[in-house]
Amino acid sequence: MNQFLPPEETNTEGKKKLKGVSCDVKNCVYNDQKCHCTAEKIAVGPTYATSCTDTVCATFRQRSI
């Protein structure tokens, strides 16, 4: 088991969620509408970021309307 990655849990819809990874982006396909990320993994960047305001979630995918 990788000590640096949190264990996965399953939410009530049967989707896996990353323990400890919250998401406030309501229009992301990986947001389970309870502020949990259901992506298998996340990517945060860019590499030149020097503060949290410089970072973005590269895993974000817009939910279709």
N, C-alpha and C. Protein backbone atom coordinates (compact mmCIF):
# COMPACT_ATOMS: atom_id res chain seq x y z
N MET A 1 0.84 -1.18 0.00
CA MET A 1 0.00 0.00 0.00
C MET A 1 0.88 1.24 0.00
N ASN A 2 0.57 2.19 -0.86
CA ASN A 2 1.34 3.42 -0.94
C ASN A 2 0.97 4.32 0.24
N GLN A 3 1.94 4.64 1.07
CA GLN A 3 1.67 5.43 2.26
C GLN A 3 1.35 6.89 1.95
N PHE A 4 1.60 7.33 0.72
CA PHE A 4 1.37 8.73 0.37
C PHE A 4 0.01 8.96 -0.26
N LEU A 5 -0.71 7.93 -0.64
CA LEU A 5 -2.04 8.08 -1.23
C LEU A 5 -3.09 7.64 -0.23
N PRO A 6 -4.16 8.43 -0.06
CA PRO A 6 -5.20 8.03 0.87
C PRO A 6 -5.98 6.83 0.32
N PRO A 7 -6.50 5.97 1.19
CA PRO A 7 -7.28 4.84 0.71
C PRO A 7 -8.57 5.30 0.06
N GLU A 8 -9.07 4.52 -0.89
CA GLU A 8 -10.33 4.85 -1.54
C GLU A 8 -11.49 4.35 -0.70
N GLU A 9 -12.61 5.02 -0.82
CA GLU A 9 -13.85 4.60 -0.21
C GLU A 9 -14.89 4.55 -1.31
N THR A 10 -16.02 3.91 -1.04
CA THR A 10 -17.11 3.87 -2.01
C THR A 10 -18.27 4.67 -1.45
N ASN A 11 -18.84 5.55 -2.28
CA ASN A 11 -19.98 6.33 -1.81
C ASN A 11 -21.27 5.55 -2.02
N THR A 12 -22.39 6.14 -1.70
CA THR A 12 -23.66 5.43 -1.76
C THR A 12 -24.09 5.07 -3.18
N GLU A 13 -23.56 5.75 -4.19
CA GLU A 13 -23.89 5.44 -5.58
C GLU A 13 -22.96 4.36 -6.14
N GLY A 14 -22.05 3.84 -5.33
CA GLY A 14 -21.13 2.81 -5.78
C GLY A 14 -19.89 3.34 -6.46
N LYS A 15 -19.76 4.66 -6.56
CA LYS A 15 -18.56 5.25 -7.16
C LYS A 15 -17.49 5.36 -6.10
N LYS A 16 -16.26 5.12 -6.52
CA LYS A 16 -15.16 5.29 -5.57
C LYS A 16 -14.88 6.77 -5.40
N LYS A 17 -14.46 7.12 -4.21
CA LYS A 17 -14.06 8.50 -3.96
C LYS A 17 -12.72 8.48 -3.27
N LEU A 18 -11.94 9.48 -3.51
CA LEU A 18 -10.64 9.59 -2.87
C LEU A 18 -10.85 10.16 -1.47
N LYS A 19 -10.48 9.40 -0.47
CA LYS A 19 -10.67 9.84 0.90
C LYS A 19 -9.88 11.12 1.15
N GLY A 20 -10.55 12.11 1.68
CA GLY A 20 -9.90 13.36 2.02
C GLY A 20 -9.81 14.36 0.88
N VAL A 21 -10.32 14.01 -0.31
CA VAL A 21 -10.28 14.94 -1.44
C VAL A 21 -11.68 15.51 -1.63
N SER A 22 -11.83 16.77 -1.27
CA SER A 22 -13.12 17.42 -1.43
C SER A 22 -13.10 18.27 -2.70
N CYS A 23 -14.30 18.52 -3.21
CA CYS A 23 -14.43 19.31 -4.44
C CYS A 23 -15.68 20.17 -4.33
N ASP A 24 -15.50 21.47 -4.48
CA ASP A 24 -16.63 22.40 -4.43
C ASP A 24 -17.14 22.77 -5.82
N VAL A 25 -16.54 22.23 -6.88
CA VAL A 25 -16.91 22.57 -8.25
C VAL A 25 -18.13 21.74 -8.64
N LYS A 26 -19.30 22.35 -8.56
CA LYS A 26 -20.57 21.64 -8.79
C LYS A 26 -20.72 21.13 -10.22
N ASN A 27 -20.08 21.77 -11.20
CA ASN A 27 -20.26 21.35 -12.60
C ASN A 27 -19.14 20.43 -13.10
N CYS A 28 -18.42 19.79 -12.20
CA CYS A 28 -17.40 18.81 -12.59
C CYS A 28 -18.02 17.42 -12.58
N VAL A 29 -17.74 16.61 -13.60
CA VAL A 29 -18.31 15.27 -13.67
C VAL A 29 -17.85 14.38 -12.53
N TYR A 30 -16.75 14.70 -11.90
CA TYR A 30 -16.21 13.89 -10.81
C TYR A 30 -16.73 14.30 -9.43
N ASN A 31 -17.52 15.38 -9.35
CA ASN A 31 -18.11 15.80 -8.08
C ASN A 31 -19.39 15.00 -7.88
N ASP A 32 -19.48 14.27 -6.76
CA ASP A 32 -20.66 13.44 -6.50
C ASP A 32 -21.83 14.24 -5.93
N GLN A 33 -21.77 15.56 -6.03
CA GLN A 33 -22.77 16.50 -5.53
C GLN A 33 -22.86 16.52 -4.01
N LYS A 34 -21.90 15.86 -3.36
CA LYS A 34 -21.77 15.92 -1.91
C LYS A 34 -20.36 16.40 -1.56
N CYS A 35 -19.75 17.09 -2.52
CA CYS A 35 -18.41 17.67 -2.36
C CYS A 35 -17.30 16.64 -2.22
N HIS A 36 -17.47 15.45 -2.81
CA HIS A 36 -16.40 14.44 -2.83
C HIS A 36 -15.98 14.21 -4.27
N CYS A 37 -14.70 14.04 -4.48
CA CYS A 37 -14.15 13.76 -5.81
C CYS A 37 -14.22 12.26 -6.08
N THR A 38 -14.79 11.87 -7.24
CA THR A 38 -14.91 10.46 -7.59
C THR A 38 -13.93 10.05 -8.69
N ALA A 39 -13.01 10.93 -9.05
CA ALA A 39 -12.00 10.58 -10.06
C ALA A 39 -11.07 9.50 -9.50
N GLU A 40 -10.55 8.64 -10.38
CA GLU A 40 -9.61 7.60 -9.94
C GLU A 40 -8.33 8.21 -9.41
N LYS A 41 -7.92 9.31 -10.01
CA LYS A 41 -6.74 10.03 -9.56
C LYS A 41 -6.93 11.48 -9.95
N ILE A 42 -6.19 12.36 -9.32
CA ILE A 42 -6.27 13.77 -9.66
C ILE A 42 -4.90 14.28 -10.08
N ALA A 43 -4.93 15.30 -10.90
CA ALA A 43 -3.70 15.95 -11.34
C ALA A 43 -3.84 17.44 -11.03
N VAL A 44 -2.88 17.97 -10.30
CA VAL A 44 -2.88 19.38 -9.94
C VAL A 44 -1.62 20.00 -10.51
N GLY A 45 -1.78 21.15 -11.08
CA GLY A 45 -0.64 21.83 -11.68
C GLY A 45 -0.94 23.32 -11.71
N PRO A 46 -0.20 24.07 -12.42
CA PRO A 46 0.95 23.74 -13.26
C PRO A 46 2.23 23.64 -12.44
N THR A 47 3.28 23.18 -13.09
CA THR A 47 4.54 22.94 -12.38
C THR A 47 5.20 24.22 -11.88
N TYR A 48 4.87 25.36 -12.46
CA TYR A 48 5.49 26.62 -12.05
C TYR A 48 4.76 27.31 -10.90
N ALA A 49 3.73 26.69 -10.34
CA ALA A 49 2.96 27.31 -9.26
C ALA A 49 3.85 27.59 -8.04
N THR A 50 3.62 28.75 -7.44
CA THR A 50 4.37 29.10 -6.24
C THR A 50 3.45 29.33 -5.04
N SER A 51 2.13 29.28 -5.26
CA SER A 51 1.17 29.41 -4.16
C SER A 51 -0.12 28.68 -4.55
N CYS A 52 -1.00 28.47 -3.59
CA CYS A 52 -2.24 27.74 -3.88
C CYS A 52 -3.11 28.47 -4.90
N THR A 53 -3.01 29.79 -4.98
CA THR A 53 -3.81 30.52 -5.96
C THR A 53 -3.31 30.30 -7.38
N ASP A 54 -2.10 29.78 -7.55
CA ASP A 54 -1.55 29.49 -8.87
C ASP A 54 -1.96 28.11 -9.38
N THR A 55 -2.55 27.27 -8.54
CA THR A 55 -2.81 25.88 -8.91
C THR A 55 -4.19 25.70 -9.50
N VAL A 56 -4.33 24.64 -10.30
CA VAL A 56 -5.61 24.26 -10.89
C VAL A 56 -5.73 22.74 -10.88
N CYS A 57 -6.94 22.25 -10.89
CA CYS A 57 -7.17 20.81 -10.99
C CYS A 57 -7.24 20.46 -12.47
N ALA A 58 -6.23 19.79 -12.96
CA ALA A 58 -6.18 19.41 -14.38
C ALA A 58 -7.11 18.24 -14.68
N THR A 59 -7.68 17.62 -13.66
CA THR A 59 -8.59 16.50 -13.84
C THR A 59 -10.01 16.98 -14.15
N PHE A 60 -10.32 18.23 -13.88
CA PHE A 60 -11.65 18.80 -14.08
C PHE A 60 -12.19 18.52 -15.48
N ARG A 61 -13.41 18.02 -15.52
CA ARG A 61 -14.15 17.84 -16.77
C ARG A 61 -15.55 18.37 -16.54
N GLN A 62 -15.99 19.28 -17.41
CA GLN A 62 -17.29 19.92 -17.21
C GLN A 62 -18.43 18.94 -17.42
N ARG A 63 -19.39 18.97 -16.51
CA ARG A 63 -20.59 18.15 -16.60
C ARG A 63 -21.47 18.72 -17.71
N SER A 64 -22.00 17.86 -18.59
CA SER A 64 -22.88 18.38 -19.65
C SER A 64 -24.24 18.72 -19.06
N ILE A 65 -24.82 19.72 -19.63
CA ILE A 65 -26.11 20.22 -19.13
C ILE A 65 -27.25 19.52 -19.83
